[in-house]
Every structure is written in structure tokens, then in C-alpha cells.
N, C-alpha and C. Protein backbone atom coordinates (compact mmCIF):
# COMPACT_ATOMS: atom_id res chain seq x y z
N UNK A 1 -12.89 5.25 8.52
CA UNK A 1 -14.00 4.37 8.78
C UNK A 1 -13.48 3.12 9.47
N UNK A 2 -14.18 2.70 10.50
CA UNK A 2 -13.77 1.51 11.24
C UNK A 2 -13.99 0.27 10.39
N UNK A 3 -13.05 -0.65 10.44
CA UNK A 3 -13.16 -1.90 9.68
C UNK A 3 -13.80 -2.99 10.52
N UNK A 4 -14.99 -2.69 11.07
CA UNK A 4 -15.73 -3.66 11.88
C UNK A 4 -17.20 -3.61 11.47
N UNK A 5 -17.77 -4.80 11.25
CA UNK A 5 -19.20 -4.89 10.92
C UNK A 5 -20.00 -4.74 12.21
N UNK A 6 -21.03 -3.88 12.19
CA UNK A 6 -21.84 -3.66 13.38
C UNK A 6 -22.83 -4.78 13.63
N UNK A 7 -23.04 -5.67 12.65
CA UNK A 7 -23.99 -6.76 12.82
C UNK A 7 -23.29 -8.01 13.35
N UNK A 8 -22.25 -8.45 12.66
CA UNK A 8 -21.61 -9.72 13.04
C UNK A 8 -20.29 -9.53 13.76
N UNK A 9 -19.74 -8.32 13.76
CA UNK A 9 -18.48 -8.07 14.47
C UNK A 9 -17.24 -8.47 13.70
N UNK A 10 -17.40 -8.78 12.42
CA UNK A 10 -16.25 -9.16 11.60
C UNK A 10 -15.29 -7.99 11.49
N UNK A 11 -13.99 -8.26 11.69
CA UNK A 11 -12.99 -7.20 11.63
C UNK A 11 -11.72 -7.67 10.95
N UNK A 12 -10.64 -6.92 11.15
CA UNK A 12 -9.37 -7.26 10.54
C UNK A 12 -8.79 -8.54 11.14
N UNK A 13 -8.10 -9.31 10.31
CA UNK A 13 -7.44 -10.54 10.74
C UNK A 13 -5.99 -10.44 10.31
N UNK A 14 -5.07 -10.80 11.20
CA UNK A 14 -3.66 -10.72 10.86
C UNK A 14 -3.09 -12.10 10.60
N UNK A 15 -1.99 -12.11 9.86
CA UNK A 15 -1.31 -13.36 9.54
C UNK A 15 0.03 -13.07 8.90
N UNK A 16 0.52 -14.02 8.15
CA UNK A 16 1.83 -13.88 7.51
C UNK A 16 1.74 -14.08 6.01
N UNK A 17 2.54 -13.29 5.27
CA UNK A 17 2.87 -13.64 3.90
C UNK A 17 4.01 -14.62 3.99
N UNK A 18 3.93 -15.71 3.26
CA UNK A 18 4.99 -16.70 3.28
C UNK A 18 5.54 -16.83 1.87
N UNK A 19 6.81 -16.51 1.70
CA UNK A 19 7.44 -16.56 0.38
C UNK A 19 7.86 -17.98 0.03
N UNK A 20 8.33 -18.15 -1.19
CA UNK A 20 8.79 -19.46 -1.65
C UNK A 20 9.97 -19.95 -0.80
N UNK A 21 10.79 -19.00 -0.34
CA UNK A 21 11.94 -19.37 0.51
C UNK A 21 11.56 -19.45 1.99
N UNK A 22 10.25 -19.41 2.28
CA UNK A 22 9.69 -19.56 3.62
C UNK A 22 9.99 -18.37 4.53
N UNK A 23 10.27 -17.18 3.96
CA UNK A 23 10.39 -15.96 4.75
C UNK A 23 8.97 -15.49 5.08
N UNK A 24 8.80 -14.97 6.29
CA UNK A 24 7.47 -14.56 6.72
C UNK A 24 7.45 -13.06 7.05
N UNK A 25 6.45 -12.36 6.52
CA UNK A 25 6.23 -10.95 6.84
C UNK A 25 4.76 -10.79 7.22
N UNK A 26 4.50 -9.86 8.14
CA UNK A 26 3.14 -9.66 8.63
C UNK A 26 2.25 -9.04 7.55
N UNK A 27 0.98 -9.41 7.56
CA UNK A 27 0.00 -8.81 6.67
C UNK A 27 -1.36 -8.80 7.34
N UNK A 28 -2.31 -8.08 6.73
CA UNK A 28 -3.65 -7.91 7.30
C UNK A 28 -4.69 -8.19 6.22
N UNK A 29 -5.73 -8.95 6.59
CA UNK A 29 -6.89 -9.14 5.72
C UNK A 29 -7.99 -8.25 6.26
N UNK A 30 -8.55 -7.40 5.39
CA UNK A 30 -9.61 -6.49 5.81
C UNK A 30 -10.95 -6.94 5.24
N UNK A 31 -12.03 -6.86 6.02
CA UNK A 31 -13.35 -7.25 5.51
C UNK A 31 -13.88 -6.18 4.56
N UNK A 32 -14.81 -6.59 3.72
CA UNK A 32 -15.44 -5.67 2.78
C UNK A 32 -16.59 -4.96 3.50
N UNK A 33 -16.27 -3.80 4.06
CA UNK A 33 -17.23 -3.02 4.85
C UNK A 33 -17.83 -1.91 4.00
N UNK A 34 -19.16 -1.80 4.03
CA UNK A 34 -19.87 -0.76 3.29
C UNK A 34 -20.66 0.09 4.27
N UNK A 35 -20.78 1.37 3.97
CA UNK A 35 -21.58 2.27 4.79
C UNK A 35 -22.94 2.41 4.11
N UNK A 36 -23.99 1.91 4.76
CA UNK A 36 -25.33 1.92 4.17
C UNK A 36 -26.34 2.53 5.13
N UNK A 37 -27.42 3.04 4.55
CA UNK A 37 -28.55 3.50 5.36
C UNK A 37 -29.42 2.29 5.65
N UNK A 38 -29.74 2.09 6.92
CA UNK A 38 -30.54 0.94 7.32
C UNK A 38 -31.51 1.33 8.43
N UNK A 39 -32.57 0.53 8.55
CA UNK A 39 -33.53 0.73 9.63
C UNK A 39 -33.02 0.05 10.88
N UNK A 40 -32.76 0.86 11.93
CA UNK A 40 -32.28 0.34 13.20
C UNK A 40 -33.23 0.86 14.28
N UNK A 41 -33.96 -0.05 14.91
CA UNK A 41 -34.94 0.30 15.94
C UNK A 41 -35.96 1.34 15.45
N UNK A 42 -36.42 1.18 14.21
CA UNK A 42 -37.45 2.05 13.66
C UNK A 42 -36.96 3.37 13.11
N UNK A 43 -35.69 3.65 13.17
CA UNK A 43 -35.17 4.90 12.61
C UNK A 43 -34.05 4.62 11.63
N UNK A 44 -33.87 5.53 10.69
CA UNK A 44 -32.86 5.35 9.64
C UNK A 44 -31.51 5.85 10.15
N UNK A 45 -30.50 4.96 10.06
CA UNK A 45 -29.15 5.31 10.47
C UNK A 45 -28.17 4.84 9.42
N UNK A 46 -27.02 5.50 9.34
CA UNK A 46 -25.94 5.01 8.51
C UNK A 46 -25.06 4.11 9.36
N UNK A 47 -24.90 2.87 8.92
CA UNK A 47 -24.09 1.92 9.69
C UNK A 47 -23.06 1.26 8.78
N UNK A 48 -21.99 0.78 9.41
CA UNK A 48 -20.96 0.03 8.71
C UNK A 48 -21.32 -1.45 8.80
N UNK A 49 -21.45 -2.09 7.63
CA UNK A 49 -21.88 -3.49 7.60
C UNK A 49 -21.08 -4.22 6.53
N UNK A 50 -20.74 -5.48 6.82
CA UNK A 50 -19.99 -6.25 5.83
C UNK A 50 -20.93 -6.71 4.72
N UNK A 51 -20.37 -7.01 3.57
CA UNK A 51 -21.19 -7.39 2.42
C UNK A 51 -21.87 -8.74 2.63
N UNK A 52 -21.30 -9.61 3.45
CA UNK A 52 -21.95 -10.89 3.73
C UNK A 52 -23.26 -10.66 4.47
N UNK A 53 -23.27 -9.80 5.47
CA UNK A 53 -24.50 -9.50 6.21
C UNK A 53 -25.50 -8.76 5.32
N UNK A 54 -25.01 -7.89 4.45
CA UNK A 54 -25.87 -7.16 3.54
C UNK A 54 -26.53 -8.11 2.55
N UNK A 55 -25.77 -9.08 2.05
CA UNK A 55 -26.27 -10.02 1.06
C UNK A 55 -27.29 -11.00 1.65
N UNK A 56 -27.12 -11.37 2.92
CA UNK A 56 -28.02 -12.33 3.54
C UNK A 56 -29.20 -11.65 4.25
N UNK A 57 -29.38 -10.35 4.03
CA UNK A 57 -30.52 -9.59 4.54
C UNK A 57 -30.62 -9.63 6.07
N UNK A 58 -29.50 -9.52 6.76
CA UNK A 58 -29.53 -9.44 8.21
C UNK A 58 -29.95 -8.04 8.67
N UNK A 59 -29.95 -7.09 7.74
CA UNK A 59 -30.36 -5.72 8.01
C UNK A 59 -31.27 -5.27 6.88
N UNK A 60 -32.36 -4.57 7.20
CA UNK A 60 -33.22 -4.06 6.15
C UNK A 60 -32.75 -2.66 5.76
N UNK A 61 -32.43 -2.51 4.49
CA UNK A 61 -31.95 -1.22 3.99
C UNK A 61 -33.08 -0.22 3.93
N UNK A 62 -32.76 1.04 4.19
CA UNK A 62 -33.73 2.12 4.09
C UNK A 62 -33.83 2.55 2.63
N UNK A 63 -35.03 2.85 2.20
CA UNK A 63 -35.24 3.20 0.79
C UNK A 63 -35.23 4.68 0.60
């Protein structure tokens, strides 16, 4: 499953783990993506959406 929200475009972000001795190693933060049934242009589709968009009702879920 792709780690990209279809509503807001939120995706993976990269950065560094920084230890106490200031050593740096690469790491990735992944968004909380859920696959839900939603109404898109009048038809029901399964889409990948982040929980922030789901919580703020940017998409109407299909019942």
C-alpha cells in the first residue's frame, strides 16, 4: 500500500536519528494511512487517506 494520502498528499518524511554521542543514522517517519470506502464523485471507492483527513471529515465515508 502506498504511504501517501490521496486528499492532502501527506507522505513519508526522512531525517536522522541522533544519538547521545551525536552519531546520525537515517530514519523515516510514515503517516498513519488507512484504506477506507468513501464517496468520490458520487461513487464508492476504496482510497488511502491519512487519519487527520479522516478525522476532520475532508472525505465522506460510505456506509
